Protein backbone atom coordinates (compact mmCIF):
# COMPACT_ATOMS: atom_id res chain seq x y z
CA MET A 1 161.41 109.40 8.59
CA ARG A 2 161.87 111.95 5.76
CA PHE A 3 165.76 111.32 6.06
CA LEU A 4 165.39 107.70 5.65
CA VAL A 5 163.24 108.05 2.55
CA ILE A 6 165.81 110.29 0.95
CA PHE A 7 168.71 108.03 1.92
CA ALA A 8 166.92 105.02 0.52
CA ILE A 9 166.48 106.79 -2.87
CA VAL A 10 170.09 107.78 -3.08
CA VAL A 11 171.28 104.32 -2.10
CA LEU A 12 169.03 102.68 -4.68
CA GLY A 13 170.35 105.20 -7.43
CA LEU A 14 173.93 104.13 -6.50
CA ILE A 15 173.13 100.48 -6.53
CA SER A 16 171.90 100.69 -9.94
CA LEU A 17 175.23 101.97 -11.18
CA VAL A 18 177.24 99.37 -9.15
CA LEU A 19 175.30 96.58 -10.89
CA GLY A 20 176.55 97.71 -14.36
CA ASP A 21 178.95 96.04 -16.69
CA ILE A 22 182.36 97.49 -17.58
CA CYS A 23 183.70 97.95 -21.19
CA THR A 24 186.05 100.19 -23.12
CA ALA A 25 185.00 103.35 -24.85
CA ALA A 26 186.60 105.69 -27.57
CA SER A 27 185.48 108.75 -29.37
CA TYR A 28 184.57 109.07 -33.10
CA GLY A 29 183.67 112.31 -34.88
CA PRO A 30 181.41 113.37 -37.68
CA PRO A 31 180.27 113.13 -40.28
CA TYR A 32 178.13 110.22 -38.82
CA ILE A 33 175.98 109.91 -41.96
CA GLN A 34 176.88 111.65 -45.35
CA SER A 35 175.63 109.35 -48.11
CA LEU A 36 174.02 106.02 -48.78
CA ASN A 37 177.44 104.52 -48.31
CA ALA A 38 177.95 106.04 -45.00
CA ALA A 39 174.46 105.53 -43.47
CA THR A 40 174.00 104.14 -39.99
CA ARG A 41 173.22 100.44 -39.64
CA CYS A 42 170.17 101.20 -37.52
CA ASN A 43 168.13 103.86 -39.32
CA GLY A 44 170.16 104.73 -42.42
CA ASN A 45 170.29 108.47 -43.23
CA ARG A 46 167.44 109.61 -41.05
CA GLN A 47 168.51 112.61 -38.96
CA ASP A 48 165.70 111.96 -36.32
CA GLN A 49 167.62 108.91 -35.08
CA PHE A 50 170.08 111.20 -33.26
CA PRO A 51 168.99 112.11 -29.73
CA PRO A 52 168.98 115.74 -28.38
CA GLY A 53 172.66 116.84 -27.73
CA ASN A 54 173.99 114.20 -29.90
CA LEU A 55 174.68 111.71 -27.03
CA PHE A 56 174.89 108.38 -28.97
CA VAL A 57 176.96 105.49 -29.49
CA ALA A 58 177.94 102.98 -32.11
CA VAL A 59 178.57 99.39 -30.51
CA SER A 60 180.85 96.54 -31.39
CA GLU A 61 179.95 92.97 -31.96
CA GLY A 62 179.53 92.11 -28.25
CA LEU A 63 176.53 94.59 -27.75
CA TRP A 64 175.21 94.53 -31.33
CA ASP A 65 172.97 91.49 -30.92
CA ASN A 66 172.33 91.29 -34.73
CA GLY A 67 170.83 94.61 -34.69
CA ALA A 68 168.69 94.25 -31.60
CA ALA A 69 170.80 97.03 -30.00
CA CYS A 70 169.53 99.77 -32.21
CA GLY A 71 167.65 102.25 -30.24
CA ARG A 72 168.73 100.83 -26.74
CA ARG A 73 169.69 103.40 -24.09
CA TYR A 74 172.56 103.03 -21.74
CA ARG A 75 173.73 105.05 -18.75
CA LEU A 76 177.48 105.43 -18.81
CA ARG A 77 180.09 106.48 -16.18
CA CYS A 78 183.74 107.00 -16.88
CA LEU A 79 185.81 104.68 -14.49
CA SER A 80 189.46 105.22 -15.68
CA GLY A 81 191.94 105.78 -18.47
CA ASN A 82 195.37 107.15 -18.93
CA ASN A 83 196.10 110.55 -17.39
CA LYS A 84 192.92 110.62 -15.41
CA PRO A 85 190.51 111.61 -18.19
CA CYS A 86 187.37 111.05 -16.28
CA LYS A 87 184.65 113.67 -15.46
CA ASP A 88 182.24 113.08 -12.62
CA GLY A 89 178.69 112.08 -13.30
CA THR A 90 176.77 109.81 -15.78
CA ILE A 91 175.25 110.42 -19.21
CA ASP A 92 172.58 108.49 -21.08
CA VAL A 93 173.22 107.66 -24.67
CA LYS A 94 171.31 105.88 -27.53
CA VAL A 95 172.69 103.16 -29.90
CA VAL A 96 172.40 104.35 -33.45
CA ASP A 97 174.90 102.28 -35.20
CA TYR A 98 177.34 99.26 -35.41
CA CYS A 99 180.97 100.11 -35.08
CA PRO A 100 182.03 101.58 -38.45
CA ARG A 101 185.67 100.41 -37.96
CA SER A 102 187.01 96.88 -38.41
CA PRO A 103 188.32 95.88 -36.06
CA CYS A 104 186.40 98.13 -33.68
CA PRO A 105 188.75 99.85 -31.30
CA SER A 106 186.54 99.53 -28.23
CA THR A 107 183.14 98.05 -27.08
CA LEU A 108 181.57 101.51 -27.50
CA LEU A 109 182.47 104.36 -30.12
CA MET A 110 180.79 107.38 -28.57
CA SER A 111 179.88 110.58 -30.54
CA SER A 112 182.29 113.56 -29.79
CA ASN A 113 179.63 115.18 -27.81
CA ALA A 114 178.82 112.09 -25.56
CA PHE A 115 182.69 111.44 -25.13
CA ALA A 116 183.31 115.02 -24.13
CA ALA A 117 180.51 114.83 -21.48
CA ILE A 118 182.46 112.04 -19.50
CA SER A 119 186.00 112.58 -20.56
CA ASN A 120 188.37 115.59 -20.56
CA SER A 121 190.64 114.00 -23.24
CA PRO A 122 189.09 113.55 -26.70
CA THR A 123 191.65 111.06 -27.74
CA ALA A 124 191.76 108.85 -24.77
CA LYS A 125 190.50 105.16 -24.51
CA ILE A 126 188.51 104.83 -21.37
CA ASN A 127 186.92 102.24 -19.23
CA VAL A 128 183.35 102.91 -18.61
CA GLU A 129 180.63 101.28 -16.50
CA TYR A 130 177.31 100.91 -18.44
CA ILE A 131 173.67 99.78 -17.67
CA GLN A 132 170.78 99.41 -20.00
CA ILE A 133 168.14 101.76 -19.03
């Protein structure tokens, strides 16, 4: 019986990732805010918008939702990329900005710390699975 409960928990955890969407992701580095001209679109120059470990993302138009994306949390898993950049596991990130580049090079621009947590290559463009948590 105990085995069945543990098995069910593991299967449900895996199913939650299988139901995620797929998008592209790239890394962007600091400074993330430096002046009023370079403030984030979510919370301006407030340092407290950045989660512990600096695991955050800027999102492109497809996820921005007229700013409703601010503060959303996503669980990400690297799926693929050139030269096998993916690390095992998942990370949880917080949306703190709209993509600062035009056109945005990917659906998600990940902070350097977040990108390093799931990719071995800081310059890779990767495919990730994501689910809102």
